[in-house]
Amino acid sequence: MAPLTVIPSFFFLALFFLASAEAGSIGVNYGRVADNLPSAVKVVQLLKSQGVDRVKLYDSDPAVLHALSGTNIKVVVALPNEQLAAVAKRPSQAYTWVQKNIVAYYPSTQIYAIAVGNEVFVDPNNTTSFLIPAMINIQAALVNYKLDSAIKVSTPIALSCLQSSYPSSAGAFKSDLIEPVIKPMLQFLRQTGSFLMVNAYPFFAYEGNADVISLDYALFRTNPGVVDAGNNVRYFNLFDAQIDAVFAAMSALKYNDIKMVVSETGWPSKGDENETGASSSNAAAYNGNLVRHILSGTGTPLRPNADIDVYLFALFNENKKPGPSSERNYGLFYPNEEKVYDIPLTPEGLKRQPKPEERDAPATGGGSVSTSASGQTWCVANGRANEGKLQAALDYACGEGGADCRQIQPGATCYDPNTLEAHASFAFNSYYQKKGRRIGTCDFEGAAYVVSHTPKFGKCSLPTGY
């Protein structure tokens, strides 16, 4: 993965359009830059136990492909950057690679895509010129083996290939890449019915610009959003803004018919002191809320009907990865197969677990989520929040937020107890219930959290089911 180099104060995201889109799917990246990981057989068992049915590899390791045989897990294999030149220069090399790494395992191992290279445009070994010829030669080999209709060829790009990304509607590719590689790549994807792979990391944008980007905005939590001046769309999360910047860049070149797959995204559970925002609680919030967003089928503001498949980075913490501490702490699991934090990865898991912020106390990290027997939840004020934050959130909820605050007025049913926490709880809960208990509607920048038991303040119980 590569940090986003375009200044992303642009990334302020918009309306969850409730248009009817097919839900996307969630997969995981299975990296192995570590010396302490479980065997491939155990990894496959772990994937199955979590209901994960899509996995993306960074090579075509025989042990992994054998372990995935007969599992019905859909697999993306990769041709590493260091092999691009050989495959680009010699079609015979592409035929040999496909025979050895695809034909030998398919269809028992459900390979459905080949990632040719990874973030080639930022590869320090300058492999960009080999990308399109390598993709063409791999595709020709698939045609030769009559696998081209079942297996697609693509390549993951980093967001640093964008020259303009704010506002999202003005997204554009770097001019020096357009003619030699972007247009030929998009034309290849169109002709072969493939999709563009994009590695998108809101963490990099937030970490480098925490003074202008709201953490709530980056983590899909309640925030006022930012209006795209180009089309007046209000964005409410950074992920959608990044994705729409790429969609806009493709549309500018008249390739708005190509599907996108987010081949990498994630948030580190630990980082160095200067890596703002790297924590297990933020990682759980980002990944958990992202899963809900993708599985809800809401698409993005520019593509409300897009069913975007997403591969979380990564399955494990990888202790041999170079760079800052965050690079070694993107995993959903520790190498001993214990969860770094607990989030659902499937629609069934979503039904069993409330949202990451829906805990019986303010979230301080990962962990299990409790639910009530009835499945009802309520939003209450966080007594640990300072008085100023609670008052500001209360004012917003009763004002612009549209909460029904009549019952906490002097002389009304729920005026007593006359405390800021009690009144804020009533207002927050009214807002939360009116919003259908949707994702991020009980946070108020840390001033509220969700509980699964009926809260009472004096003689007043907080209602549900507006």
Protein backbone atom coordinates (compact mmCIF):
# COMPACT_ATOMS: atom_id res chain seq x y z
CA MET A 1 0.00 0.00 0.00
CA ALA A 2 1.12 3.58 -0.54
CA PRO A 3 0.12 6.70 1.41
CA LEU A 4 -2.10 9.16 -0.42
CA THR A 5 0.11 11.97 -1.60
CA VAL A 6 -2.63 14.25 -2.94
CA ILE A 7 -3.59 16.75 -0.19
CA PRO A 8 -6.93 15.33 0.89
CA SER A 9 -8.72 18.09 2.73
CA PHE A 10 -11.09 17.16 -0.10
CA PHE A 11 -12.19 14.01 1.56
CA PHE A 12 -15.40 15.04 3.22
CA LEU A 13 -18.23 12.75 2.37
CA ALA A 14 -21.77 12.69 1.60
CA LEU A 15 -25.26 11.54 1.85
CA PHE A 16 -25.83 7.85 2.19
CA PHE A 17 -28.20 7.74 -0.76
CA LEU A 18 -30.75 5.09 0.00
CA ALA A 19 -31.05 4.07 -3.61
CA SER A 20 -31.58 0.42 -4.27
CA ALA A 21 -28.21 -1.12 -5.03
CA GLU A 22 -27.14 -4.68 -4.72
CA ALA A 23 -24.95 -5.09 -1.69
CA GLY A 24 -21.24 -5.42 -2.24
CA SER A 25 -19.18 -8.13 -0.62
CA ILE A 26 -16.38 -8.27 1.92
CA GLY A 27 -13.12 -10.15 1.46
CA VAL A 28 -9.71 -10.03 3.10
CA ASN A 29 -6.13 -9.62 1.95
CA TYR A 30 -3.98 -12.55 3.03
CA GLY A 31 -0.46 -11.16 3.26
CA ARG A 32 2.39 -13.28 4.53
CA VAL A 33 5.26 -10.86 5.26
CA ALA A 34 5.76 -12.49 8.64
CA ASP A 35 7.60 -15.40 10.21
CA ASN A 36 5.01 -16.39 12.79
CA LEU A 37 1.84 -17.10 10.82
CA PRO A 38 -0.27 -20.26 11.01
CA SER A 39 -0.13 -22.81 8.19
CA ALA A 40 -2.19 -22.24 5.06
CA VAL A 41 -4.50 -25.08 6.11
CA LYS A 42 -5.21 -23.37 9.45
CA VAL A 43 -5.71 -20.05 7.69
CA VAL A 44 -8.36 -21.55 5.45
CA GLN A 45 -10.11 -22.97 8.50
CA LEU A 46 -10.02 -19.51 10.07
CA LEU A 47 -11.52 -17.93 6.96
CA LYS A 48 -14.32 -20.47 6.90
CA SER A 49 -15.03 -20.04 10.61
CA GLN A 50 -15.52 -16.30 10.01
CA GLY A 51 -17.74 -16.80 6.97
CA VAL A 52 -15.20 -15.11 4.68
CA ASP A 53 -15.71 -16.32 1.12
CA ARG A 54 -13.30 -14.01 -0.73
CA VAL A 55 -9.56 -13.73 -0.28
CA LYS A 56 -6.88 -11.81 -2.14
CA LEU A 57 -3.29 -13.01 -2.30
CA TYR A 58 -0.09 -11.18 -3.20
CA ASP A 59 1.36 -14.12 -5.12
CA SER A 60 0.30 -17.60 -6.20
CA ASP A 61 1.89 -19.72 -3.48
CA PRO A 62 1.21 -23.43 -4.15
CA ALA A 63 0.60 -24.29 -0.47
CA VAL A 64 -2.06 -21.59 -0.19
CA LEU A 65 -3.76 -22.48 -3.48
CA HIS A 66 -3.82 -26.17 -2.51
CA ALA A 67 -5.28 -25.32 0.90
CA LEU A 68 -8.05 -23.29 -0.77
CA SER A 69 -8.98 -26.15 -3.08
CA GLY A 70 -12.54 -27.37 -2.68
CA THR A 71 -13.53 -24.57 -0.28
CA ASN A 72 -15.60 -22.43 -2.70
CA ILE A 73 -13.69 -19.39 -1.44
CA LYS A 74 -13.19 -17.00 -4.35
CA VAL A 75 -9.53 -16.17 -4.82
CA VAL A 76 -7.59 -13.30 -6.37
CA VAL A 77 -4.04 -14.34 -7.19
CA ALA A 78 -1.25 -11.92 -8.07
CA LEU A 79 1.58 -11.60 -10.53
CA PRO A 80 4.19 -9.69 -8.45
CA ASN A 81 5.81 -6.52 -9.77
CA GLU A 82 9.17 -8.20 -10.09
CA GLN A 83 7.75 -10.57 -12.72
CA LEU A 84 6.08 -7.89 -14.85
CA ALA A 85 9.03 -7.29 -17.18
CA ALA A 86 9.47 -10.95 -18.12
CA VAL A 87 5.75 -11.50 -18.72
CA ALA A 88 5.46 -8.23 -20.69
CA LYS A 89 8.39 -9.00 -22.99
CA ARG A 90 7.64 -12.66 -23.71
CA PRO A 91 4.13 -14.03 -24.33
CA SER A 92 5.54 -17.51 -23.72
CA GLN A 93 6.40 -16.45 -20.18
CA ALA A 94 2.78 -15.41 -19.64
CA TYR A 95 1.53 -18.75 -20.98
CA THR A 96 3.89 -20.61 -18.65
CA TRP A 97 2.83 -18.51 -15.66
CA VAL A 98 -0.88 -19.07 -16.32
CA GLN A 99 -0.40 -22.80 -16.85
CA LYS A 100 1.62 -23.17 -13.66
CA ASN A 101 -0.33 -20.84 -11.37
CA ILE A 102 -3.89 -20.90 -12.73
CA VAL A 103 -4.60 -23.94 -14.87
CA ALA A 104 -2.94 -26.27 -12.36
CA TYR A 105 -5.47 -25.27 -9.65
CA TYR A 106 -8.63 -24.07 -11.37
CA PRO A 107 -11.53 -24.86 -10.95
CA SER A 108 -10.93 -26.76 -7.69
CA THR A 109 -9.47 -23.55 -6.34
CA GLN A 110 -11.97 -20.87 -7.28
CA ILE A 111 -9.61 -18.34 -8.82
CA TYR A 112 -11.72 -15.57 -10.31
CA ALA A 113 -9.23 -12.73 -10.86
CA ILE A 114 -5.54 -12.05 -11.44
CA ALA A 115 -3.97 -8.87 -10.05
CA VAL A 116 -1.17 -8.00 -12.45
CA GLY A 117 1.30 -6.06 -10.32
CA ASN A 118 0.42 -3.90 -7.32
CA GLU A 119 0.46 -0.09 -7.24
CA VAL A 120 2.79 -0.18 -10.22
CA PHE A 121 2.70 3.60 -10.72
CA VAL A 122 4.52 4.11 -7.42
CA ASP A 123 6.87 1.13 -7.76
CA PRO A 124 10.41 2.46 -7.16
CA ASN A 125 11.68 -0.04 -9.74
CA ASN A 126 9.82 1.86 -12.48
CA THR A 127 7.74 -1.01 -13.84
CA THR A 128 4.90 1.14 -15.21
CA SER A 129 5.86 0.62 -18.86
CA PHE A 130 5.50 -3.14 -18.45
CA LEU A 131 1.99 -3.07 -16.98
CA ILE A 132 -0.23 -2.97 -20.09
CA PRO A 133 1.84 -5.47 -22.13
CA ALA A 134 1.85 -7.85 -19.15
CA MET A 135 -1.94 -7.57 -18.74
CA ILE A 136 -2.44 -8.19 -22.46
CA ASN A 137 -0.17 -11.25 -22.45
CA ILE A 138 -1.84 -12.74 -19.34
CA GLN A 139 -5.26 -12.20 -20.97
CA ALA A 140 -4.07 -13.91 -24.16
CA ALA A 141 -2.90 -16.90 -22.13
CA LEU A 142 -6.30 -17.14 -20.42
CA VAL A 143 -7.97 -17.05 -23.85
CA ASN A 144 -5.68 -19.84 -24.99
CA TYR A 145 -6.79 -22.01 -22.05
CA LYS A 146 -10.44 -20.92 -22.49
CA LEU A 147 -10.51 -19.34 -19.04
CA ASP A 148 -11.00 -15.71 -20.08
CA SER A 149 -14.74 -15.72 -19.37
CA ALA A 150 -14.26 -17.08 -15.83
CA ILE A 151 -11.14 -15.21 -14.70
CA LYS A 152 -10.64 -11.48 -15.01
CA VAL A 153 -7.38 -9.56 -15.29
CA SER A 154 -6.89 -6.25 -13.44
CA THR A 155 -4.29 -4.28 -11.50
CA PRO A 156 -4.54 -2.44 -8.14
CA ILE A 157 -3.82 1.29 -8.33
CA ALA A 158 -3.03 3.66 -5.45
CA LEU A 159 -4.90 6.93 -4.97
CA SER A 160 -1.63 8.76 -5.54
CA CYS A 161 -2.28 8.33 -9.29
CA LEU A 162 -4.84 11.13 -8.94
CA GLN A 163 -3.72 14.62 -9.83
CA SER A 164 -6.91 16.20 -8.51
CA SER A 165 -9.12 14.72 -5.82
CA TYR A 166 -10.91 17.62 -4.16
CA PRO A 167 -13.72 18.08 -4.52
CA SER A 168 -14.49 14.49 -5.40
CA SER A 169 -16.48 15.55 -8.46
CA ALA A 170 -13.27 17.10 -9.88
CA GLY A 171 -11.26 13.88 -9.57
CA ALA A 172 -8.67 13.50 -12.34
CA PHE A 173 -5.75 11.21 -13.09
CA LYS A 174 -2.20 12.57 -13.31
CA SER A 175 -1.73 14.00 -16.79
CA ASP A 176 1.55 12.20 -17.44
CA LEU A 177 -0.13 8.82 -16.85
CA ILE A 178 -3.30 9.29 -18.89
CA GLU A 179 -2.16 8.59 -22.46
CA PRO A 180 0.63 6.06 -21.88
CA VAL A 181 -1.10 3.86 -19.30
CA ILE A 182 -4.45 4.99 -17.80
CA LYS A 183 -6.45 5.08 -21.02
CA PRO A 184 -4.99 1.81 -22.35
CA MET A 185 -5.66 0.17 -18.97
CA LEU A 186 -9.28 1.34 -18.83
CA GLN A 187 -9.84 0.33 -22.45
CA PHE A 188 -8.45 -3.13 -21.64
CA LEU A 189 -10.79 -3.43 -18.66
CA ARG A 190 -13.77 -2.40 -20.78
CA GLN A 191 -12.96 -4.78 -23.61
CA THR A 192 -12.44 -7.75 -21.29
CA GLY A 193 -15.40 -7.00 -19.01
CA SER A 194 -13.07 -6.61 -16.05
CA PHE A 195 -12.97 -4.10 -13.18
CA LEU A 196 -10.55 -1.54 -11.79
CA MET A 197 -8.85 -2.41 -8.51
CA VAL A 198 -8.25 0.55 -6.18
CA ASN A 199 -6.33 0.67 -2.89
CA ALA A 200 -7.98 3.33 -0.72
CA TYR A 201 -6.86 4.30 2.79
CA PRO A 202 -8.77 7.06 4.61
CA PHE A 203 -6.27 6.54 7.44
CA PHE A 204 -3.45 8.08 5.41
CA ALA A 205 -5.56 11.11 4.57
CA TYR A 206 -6.65 11.57 8.18
CA GLU A 207 -3.22 10.88 9.70
CA GLY A 208 -1.58 13.48 7.50
CA ASN A 209 -4.33 16.09 7.84
CA ALA A 210 -5.93 15.55 11.25
CA ASP A 211 -6.15 19.31 11.69
CA VAL A 212 -8.67 19.61 8.85
CA ILE A 213 -10.25 16.15 8.62
CA SER A 214 -12.67 15.07 11.32
CA LEU A 215 -12.00 11.66 12.87
CA ASP A 216 -15.74 11.01 12.89
CA TYR A 217 -15.77 11.72 9.16
CA ALA A 218 -12.96 9.22 8.62
CA LEU A 219 -14.63 6.54 10.77
CA PHE A 220 -18.19 6.75 9.33
CA ARG A 221 -19.48 8.31 12.55
CA THR A 222 -21.94 11.17 13.00
CA ASN A 223 -20.59 14.40 11.50
CA PRO A 224 -22.01 17.43 9.70
CA GLY A 225 -20.47 16.34 6.41
CA VAL A 226 -18.86 18.45 3.69
CA VAL A 227 -20.50 19.72 0.54
CA ASP A 228 -18.82 19.03 -2.80
CA ALA A 229 -18.77 22.48 -4.42
CA GLY A 230 -18.85 20.88 -7.87
CA ASN A 231 -22.23 19.17 -7.51
CA ASN A 232 -23.61 20.25 -4.09
CA VAL A 233 -23.54 16.67 -2.79
CA ARG A 234 -22.85 16.39 0.93
CA TYR A 235 -20.38 13.68 1.91
CA PHE A 236 -20.51 12.06 5.33
CA ASN A 237 -17.52 9.70 5.15
CA LEU A 238 -14.02 9.88 3.78
CA PHE A 239 -14.13 6.47 2.10
CA ASP A 240 -16.94 7.46 -0.27
CA ALA A 241 -15.14 10.69 -1.14
CA GLN A 242 -11.99 8.82 -2.10
CA ILE A 243 -13.90 6.29 -4.19
CA ASP A 244 -15.96 8.97 -5.92
CA ALA A 245 -12.79 10.89 -6.80
CA VAL A 246 -11.68 7.83 -8.79
CA PHE A 247 -15.13 7.40 -10.34
CA ALA A 248 -15.02 11.06 -11.40
CA ALA A 249 -11.54 10.61 -12.87
CA MET A 250 -12.76 7.66 -14.94
CA SER A 251 -15.86 9.59 -16.04
CA ALA A 252 -13.68 12.49 -17.16
CA LEU A 253 -12.06 10.08 -19.62
CA LYS A 254 -15.49 8.67 -20.58
CA TYR A 255 -14.96 5.34 -18.84
CA ASN A 256 -17.83 5.58 -16.39
CA ASP A 257 -19.10 2.11 -17.26
CA ILE A 258 -16.28 0.27 -15.48
CA LYS A 259 -16.92 -1.38 -12.13
CA MET A 260 -14.59 -0.78 -9.21
CA VAL A 261 -13.26 -3.21 -6.61
CA VAL A 262 -11.56 -1.80 -3.52
CA SER A 263 -8.62 -4.18 -3.41
CA GLU A 264 -7.20 -2.78 -0.15
CA THR A 265 -8.50 -0.66 2.67
CA GLY A 266 -8.04 -0.77 6.42
CA TRP A 267 -7.01 1.05 9.57
CA PRO A 268 -4.07 0.21 11.86
CA SER A 269 -4.72 -0.88 15.45
CA LYS A 270 -1.36 0.48 16.57
CA GLY A 271 1.19 2.99 15.32
CA ASP A 272 4.12 5.17 16.25
CA GLU A 273 3.58 8.24 18.44
CA ASN A 274 3.36 10.51 15.40
CA GLU A 275 0.79 8.31 13.64
CA THR A 276 -2.34 10.14 14.68
CA GLY A 277 -5.45 7.99 14.95
CA ALA A 278 -3.81 4.56 14.93
CA SER A 279 -5.62 2.58 17.66
CA SER A 280 -7.65 -0.59 18.08
CA SER A 281 -10.85 1.32 18.83
CA ASN A 282 -10.50 3.41 15.67
CA ALA A 283 -9.62 0.34 13.61
CA ALA A 284 -12.70 -1.46 14.93
CA ALA A 285 -14.88 1.57 14.18
CA TYR A 286 -13.52 2.04 10.65
CA ASN A 287 -13.61 -1.56 9.55
CA GLY A 288 -16.86 -2.39 11.34
CA ASN A 289 -18.68 0.64 9.94
CA LEU A 290 -17.19 0.06 6.49
CA VAL A 291 -18.52 -3.51 6.47
CA ARG A 292 -22.00 -2.23 7.31
CA HIS A 293 -21.76 0.46 4.64
CA ILE A 294 -20.73 -1.99 1.93
CA LEU A 295 -23.20 -4.72 2.88
CA SER A 296 -26.04 -2.19 3.01
CA GLY A 297 -25.76 -1.69 -0.76
CA THR A 298 -25.91 2.11 -0.56
CA GLY A 299 -23.13 2.65 -3.11
CA THR A 300 -21.56 6.12 -3.19
CA PRO A 301 -23.06 9.54 -3.94
CA LEU A 302 -21.76 9.50 -7.51
CA ARG A 303 -22.61 5.81 -7.99
CA PRO A 304 -25.56 5.10 -5.66
CA ASN A 305 -26.29 1.81 -7.41
CA ALA A 306 -22.72 0.54 -7.38
CA ASP A 307 -22.19 -2.80 -5.66
CA ILE A 308 -18.59 -2.37 -4.56
CA ASP A 309 -16.60 -5.36 -3.39
CA VAL A 310 -14.04 -4.54 -0.70
CA TYR A 311 -10.99 -6.44 0.52
CA LEU A 312 -9.94 -5.48 4.03
CA PHE A 313 -6.25 -5.14 4.72
CA ALA A 314 -5.30 -7.41 6.26
CA LEU A 315 -5.98 -10.84 7.71
CA PHE A 316 -2.98 -10.85 10.08
CA ASN A 317 -0.56 -8.44 11.71
CA GLU A 318 2.66 -9.00 9.75
CA ASN A 319 5.78 -8.58 11.85
CA LYS A 320 8.31 -8.38 9.00
CA LYS A 321 6.77 -5.52 7.08
CA PRO A 322 9.10 -2.50 6.84
CA GLY A 323 8.16 1.06 7.62
CA PRO A 324 6.32 2.63 10.57
CA SER A 325 4.66 0.54 13.27
CA SER A 326 1.26 0.91 11.63
CA GLU A 327 2.42 -1.20 8.68
CA ARG A 328 2.74 -4.20 10.99
CA ASN A 329 -0.60 -3.65 12.70
CA TYR A 330 -3.37 -3.68 10.10
CA GLY A 331 -4.44 -7.23 10.90
CA LEU A 332 -7.90 -8.37 11.95
CA PHE A 333 -6.13 -11.25 13.73
CA TYR A 334 -2.93 -11.84 15.61
CA PRO A 335 -0.76 -14.68 14.26
CA ASN A 336 -2.12 -16.94 17.04
CA GLU A 337 -5.56 -16.48 15.38
CA GLU A 338 -6.98 -14.35 18.20
CA LYS A 339 -8.95 -11.32 17.09
CA VAL A 340 -7.29 -7.94 17.40
CA TYR A 341 -10.84 -6.56 17.78
CA ASP A 342 -14.25 -8.01 17.16
CA ILE A 343 -16.26 -6.93 14.12
CA PRO A 344 -18.77 -8.79 11.93
CA LEU A 345 -17.65 -9.64 8.39
CA THR A 346 -20.87 -11.10 6.98
CA PRO A 347 -24.57 -10.16 6.78
CA GLU A 348 -25.30 -12.86 9.35
CA GLY A 349 -22.71 -11.37 11.66
CA LEU A 350 -24.29 -7.95 11.30
CA LYS A 351 -27.61 -9.35 12.48
CA ARG A 352 -25.99 -10.79 15.59
CA GLN A 353 -23.96 -7.72 16.53
CA PRO A 354 -24.86 -4.07 16.93
CA LYS A 355 -22.66 -1.36 15.52
CA PRO A 356 -19.16 -0.82 16.97
CA GLU A 357 -20.38 2.18 18.96
CA GLU A 358 -23.30 0.19 20.39
CA ARG A 359 -21.74 -0.94 23.61
CA ASP A 360 -22.96 -0.93 27.18
CA ALA A 361 -20.27 1.67 27.97
CA PRO A 362 -18.29 4.14 25.91
CA ALA A 363 -15.97 2.23 23.59
CA THR A 364 -12.35 2.06 24.65
CA GLY A 365 -11.18 -0.65 22.29
CA GLY A 366 -12.18 -3.85 20.60
CA GLY A 367 -14.24 -6.51 22.25
CA SER A 368 -17.53 -8.27 22.12
CA VAL A 369 -20.76 -6.37 21.73
CA SER A 370 -23.74 -7.16 23.90
CA THR A 371 -27.31 -7.01 22.68
CA SER A 372 -30.63 -7.04 24.44
CA ALA A 373 -32.97 -9.99 24.23
CA SER A 374 -35.48 -7.81 22.39
CA GLY A 375 -32.93 -6.45 19.95
CA GLN A 376 -33.83 -2.88 20.99
CA THR A 377 -31.14 -0.29 21.63
CA TRP A 378 -31.16 3.22 23.08
CA CYS A 379 -28.82 6.20 22.87
CA VAL A 380 -27.65 7.83 26.10
CA ALA A 381 -25.29 10.63 27.04
CA ASN A 382 -21.72 9.80 27.92
CA GLY A 383 -21.30 11.10 31.47
CA ARG A 384 -17.54 11.21 30.93
CA ALA A 385 -17.88 13.87 28.22
CA ASN A 386 -17.24 17.43 29.33
CA GLU A 387 -20.20 19.72 29.97
CA GLY A 388 -19.49 21.93 26.98
CA LYS A 389 -19.52 19.01 24.55
CA LEU A 390 -22.75 17.62 26.06
CA GLN A 391 -24.48 21.01 25.90
CA ALA A 392 -23.41 21.59 22.29
CA ALA A 393 -24.62 18.13 21.29
CA LEU A 394 -27.91 18.65 23.14
CA ASP A 395 -28.44 21.98 21.36
CA TYR A 396 -27.77 20.35 17.99
CA ALA A 397 -30.09 17.40 18.65
CA CYS A 398 -33.01 19.60 19.78
CA GLY A 399 -32.37 22.17 17.06
CA GLU A 400 -30.96 21.27 13.66
CA GLY A 401 -31.11 17.56 14.46
CA GLY A 402 -34.90 17.61 14.78
CA ALA A 403 -35.17 15.61 18.02
CA ASP A 404 -38.47 15.88 19.89
CA CYS A 405 -37.42 17.70 23.05
CA ARG A 406 -40.83 18.85 24.25
CA GLN A 407 -40.87 16.39 27.15
CA ILE A 408 -37.72 17.82 28.72
CA GLN A 409 -39.03 21.38 28.85
CA PRO A 410 -39.86 22.85 32.32
CA GLY A 411 -43.01 21.27 33.72
CA ALA A 412 -43.07 18.45 31.12
CA THR A 413 -43.01 14.70 31.88
CA CYS A 414 -39.25 14.18 31.56
CA TYR A 415 -37.97 17.51 32.83
CA ASP A 416 -36.94 15.83 36.11
CA PRO A 417 -34.28 14.98 36.89
CA ASN A 418 -33.16 18.41 35.74
CA THR A 419 -29.60 17.43 34.82
CA LEU A 420 -27.65 17.97 31.63
CA GLU A 421 -26.91 14.24 31.28
CA ALA A 422 -30.58 13.24 31.65
CA HIS A 423 -31.83 15.88 29.22
CA ALA A 424 -29.07 15.10 26.72
CA SER A 425 -29.89 11.38 26.92
CA PHE A 426 -33.53 12.06 26.11
CA ALA A 427 -32.61 14.28 23.15
CA PHE A 428 -29.91 11.95 21.84
CA ASN A 429 -32.25 8.98 22.02
CA SER A 430 -35.02 10.87 20.21
CA TYR A 431 -32.59 11.70 17.40
CA TYR A 432 -31.25 8.11 17.29
CA GLN A 433 -34.68 6.48 17.15
CA LYS A 434 -35.99 8.92 14.54
CA LYS A 435 -32.99 8.10 12.38
CA GLY A 436 -33.92 4.41 12.56
CA ARG A 437 -30.91 3.62 14.77
CA ARG A 438 -28.77 3.97 11.67
CA ILE A 439 -25.01 3.74 11.68
CA GLY A 440 -23.27 6.67 13.35
CA THR A 441 -26.44 8.35 14.67
CA CYS A 442 -25.51 7.80 18.31
CA ASP A 443 -22.10 9.31 18.78
CA PHE A 444 -22.22 13.12 18.80
CA GLU A 445 -18.42 13.29 18.71
CA GLY A 446 -18.05 10.99 21.70
CA ALA A 447 -20.86 12.57 23.74
CA ALA A 448 -23.14 9.54 23.44
CA TYR A 449 -23.16 5.76 23.18
CA VAL A 450 -25.65 2.94 22.70
CA VAL A 451 -27.02 0.64 25.40
CA SER A 452 -29.13 -2.49 25.14
CA HIS A 453 -31.15 -2.07 28.35
CA THR A 454 -33.99 0.42 28.83
CA PRO A 455 -32.48 3.54 30.45
CA LYS A 456 -34.46 5.34 33.18
CA PHE A 457 -33.98 8.82 34.54
CA GLY A 458 -36.21 9.36 37.55
CA LYS A 459 -39.70 8.36 36.46
CA CYS A 460 -38.92 8.83 32.76
CA SER A 461 -37.89 5.92 30.52
CA LEU A 462 -36.41 6.69 27.14
CA PRO A 463 -38.82 5.71 24.37
CA THR A 464 -38.08 3.67 21.26
CA GLY A 465 -39.80 3.06 17.95
CA TYR A 466 -40.49 6.55 16.65
